[in-house]
Amino acid sequence: MSEETYTTISEMCAEFGVTPRTLRFYEYKELLQPKREGQKRLFTKRDKGRLKLILQGKRFGFSLDEIRELLDLYYIGDQRVTQVARTYERAEIRLAAMKEQRAELDSAISDLEAEMDKSRHYLAEHGAREAAE
């Protein structure tokens, strides 16, 4: 049987671009369960996989509670079928919300550009060219 290899908190931070505080927070939220040797935290390959999924979930806008729920489905013993199905359902909802946000943002950008054009023309007509540049 091969011996488990561990990663230190500083190595995890360097590999994933997070702070020690972030890792401690995820541990506090029970998303990660590093091995403890006194004050030292030692992360397993499982912790690395979970952290990768946590960061991806956060990037996609999932809450930590949603991420925990989806991660915990890995262990129900159905070869991840439930986990993948539930993740897909949540992803559909999140994608629709993101597309709606993008449409709202595109509209706001267009409106702001139009207002800036009006202002630029107004300033140009009133001899304030330098203010419009």
Protein backbone atom coordinates (compact mmCIF):
# COMPACT_ATOMS: atom_id res chain seq x y z
CA MET A 1 0.00 0.00 0.00
CA SER A 2 1.46 3.38 -1.02
CA GLU A 3 1.88 6.12 1.53
CA GLU A 4 -0.31 9.23 1.22
CA THR A 5 1.53 12.36 0.15
CA TYR A 6 0.61 15.62 1.82
CA THR A 7 0.73 19.22 0.70
CA THR A 8 1.40 22.07 3.12
CA ILE A 9 -0.77 25.14 3.37
CA SER A 10 1.89 27.29 1.68
CA GLU A 11 2.15 24.82 -1.20
CA MET A 12 -1.64 24.82 -1.58
CA CYS A 13 -1.66 28.62 -1.62
CA ALA A 14 1.02 28.72 -4.30
CA GLU A 15 -0.62 26.05 -6.44
CA PHE A 16 -4.15 27.48 -6.33
CA GLY A 17 -3.50 31.19 -5.91
CA VAL A 18 -5.37 31.48 -2.62
CA THR A 19 -4.42 32.79 0.81
CA PRO A 20 -3.95 30.76 3.98
CA ARG A 21 -6.97 32.61 5.34
CA THR A 22 -9.07 31.26 2.45
CA LEU A 23 -7.98 27.69 3.16
CA ARG A 24 -8.69 28.07 6.88
CA PHE A 25 -12.11 29.51 6.04
CA TYR A 26 -12.95 26.56 3.77
CA GLU A 27 -11.80 24.24 6.54
CA TYR A 28 -14.01 26.10 9.03
CA LYS A 29 -16.93 25.72 6.61
CA GLU A 30 -16.12 21.97 6.45
CA LEU A 31 -15.40 22.04 2.74
CA LEU A 32 -11.82 20.85 3.31
CA GLN A 33 -10.59 18.45 5.98
CA PRO A 34 -6.80 18.61 6.11
CA LYS A 35 -4.91 16.34 8.43
CA ARG A 36 -3.70 18.21 11.51
CA GLU A 37 -0.31 17.80 13.18
CA GLY A 38 -0.41 20.31 15.98
CA GLN A 39 -0.96 23.67 14.29
CA LYS A 40 0.23 22.31 10.93
CA ARG A 41 -2.34 21.54 8.22
CA LEU A 42 -1.52 18.82 5.71
CA PHE A 43 -3.71 18.57 2.63
CA THR A 44 -4.38 15.36 0.71
CA LYS A 45 -5.00 14.72 -2.98
CA ARG A 46 -8.72 14.66 -2.07
CA ASP A 47 -8.44 18.16 -0.57
CA LYS A 48 -6.75 19.39 -3.74
CA GLY A 49 -9.57 18.00 -5.87
CA ARG A 50 -12.19 19.54 -3.61
CA LEU A 51 -10.43 22.91 -3.61
CA LYS A 52 -10.31 22.91 -7.40
CA LEU A 53 -14.08 22.29 -7.48
CA ILE A 54 -14.75 24.91 -4.79
CA LEU A 55 -12.86 27.57 -6.71
CA GLN A 56 -14.59 26.61 -9.95
CA GLY A 57 -17.98 26.71 -8.23
CA LYS A 58 -17.23 30.15 -6.77
CA ARG A 59 -16.15 31.40 -10.20
CA PHE A 60 -19.49 30.25 -11.60
CA GLY A 61 -21.37 32.04 -8.82
CA PHE A 62 -22.44 29.10 -6.66
CA SER A 63 -22.78 29.74 -2.93
CA LEU A 64 -20.58 27.80 -0.50
CA ASP A 65 -23.68 25.96 0.75
CA GLU A 66 -24.49 24.87 -2.81
CA ILE A 67 -20.89 23.79 -3.36
CA ARG A 68 -20.86 21.79 -0.11
CA GLU A 69 -24.13 20.07 -1.04
CA LEU A 70 -22.79 19.11 -4.46
CA LEU A 71 -19.45 17.90 -3.08
CA ASP A 72 -21.19 15.81 -0.41
CA LEU A 73 -23.21 13.98 -3.08
CA TYR A 74 -19.96 12.33 -4.21
CA TYR A 75 -20.20 9.97 -1.23
CA ILE A 76 -23.76 8.64 -1.58
CA GLY A 77 -22.59 5.54 -3.45
CA ASP A 78 -24.30 5.80 -6.83
CA GLN A 79 -21.12 6.31 -8.86
CA ARG A 80 -21.67 10.09 -8.85
CA VAL A 81 -24.88 9.92 -10.92
CA THR A 82 -26.83 12.05 -8.43
CA GLN A 83 -23.91 14.46 -8.02
CA VAL A 84 -23.55 15.04 -11.75
CA ALA A 85 -27.32 15.32 -12.29
CA ARG A 86 -27.77 17.83 -9.46
CA THR A 87 -24.73 19.81 -10.59
CA TYR A 88 -26.14 19.95 -14.11
CA GLU A 89 -29.51 21.20 -12.82
CA ARG A 90 -27.84 23.92 -10.76
CA ALA A 91 -25.57 24.83 -13.68
CA GLU A 92 -28.58 25.32 -15.99
CA ILE A 93 -30.14 27.74 -13.51
CA ARG A 94 -26.86 29.58 -12.94
CA LEU A 95 -26.14 29.84 -16.68
CA ALA A 96 -29.58 31.36 -17.33
CA ALA A 97 -28.98 33.91 -14.55
CA MET A 98 -25.52 34.76 -15.92
CA LYS A 99 -26.91 35.27 -19.43
CA GLU A 100 -29.61 37.56 -18.03
CA GLN A 101 -26.97 39.55 -16.13
CA ARG A 102 -24.88 39.82 -19.30
CA ALA A 103 -27.89 41.11 -21.28
CA GLU A 104 -28.60 43.70 -18.57
CA LEU A 105 -24.94 44.75 -18.54
CA ASP A 106 -24.80 44.99 -22.35
CA SER A 107 -27.89 47.21 -22.26
CA ALA A 108 -26.44 49.43 -19.53
CA ILE A 109 -23.16 49.79 -21.45
CA SER A 110 -25.02 50.76 -24.61
CA ASP A 111 -27.11 53.34 -22.72
CA LEU A 112 -24.03 54.81 -21.05
CA GLU A 113 -22.17 55.05 -24.35
CA ALA A 114 -25.16 56.85 -25.89
CA GLU A 115 -25.27 59.32 -22.99
CA MET A 116 -21.54 59.92 -23.28
CA ASP A 117 -21.94 60.59 -27.03
CA LYS A 118 -24.62 63.16 -26.27
CA SER A 119 -22.38 64.80 -23.68
CA ARG A 120 -19.39 64.81 -26.02
CA HIS A 121 -21.44 66.49 -28.79
CA TYR A 122 -22.91 68.99 -26.36
CA LEU A 123 -19.47 69.96 -25.05
CA ALA A 124 -18.07 70.19 -28.58
CA GLU A 125 -20.93 72.50 -29.63
CA HIS A 126 -20.35 74.73 -26.63
CA GLY A 127 -16.61 75.17 -27.13
CA ALA A 128 -15.45 72.79 -24.41
CA ARG A 129 -13.53 70.45 -26.65
CA GLU A 130 -10.82 69.68 -24.08
CA ALA A 131 -13.48 68.53 -21.57
CA ALA A 132 -14.84 66.05 -24.10
CA GLU A 133 -11.49 64.42 -24.89
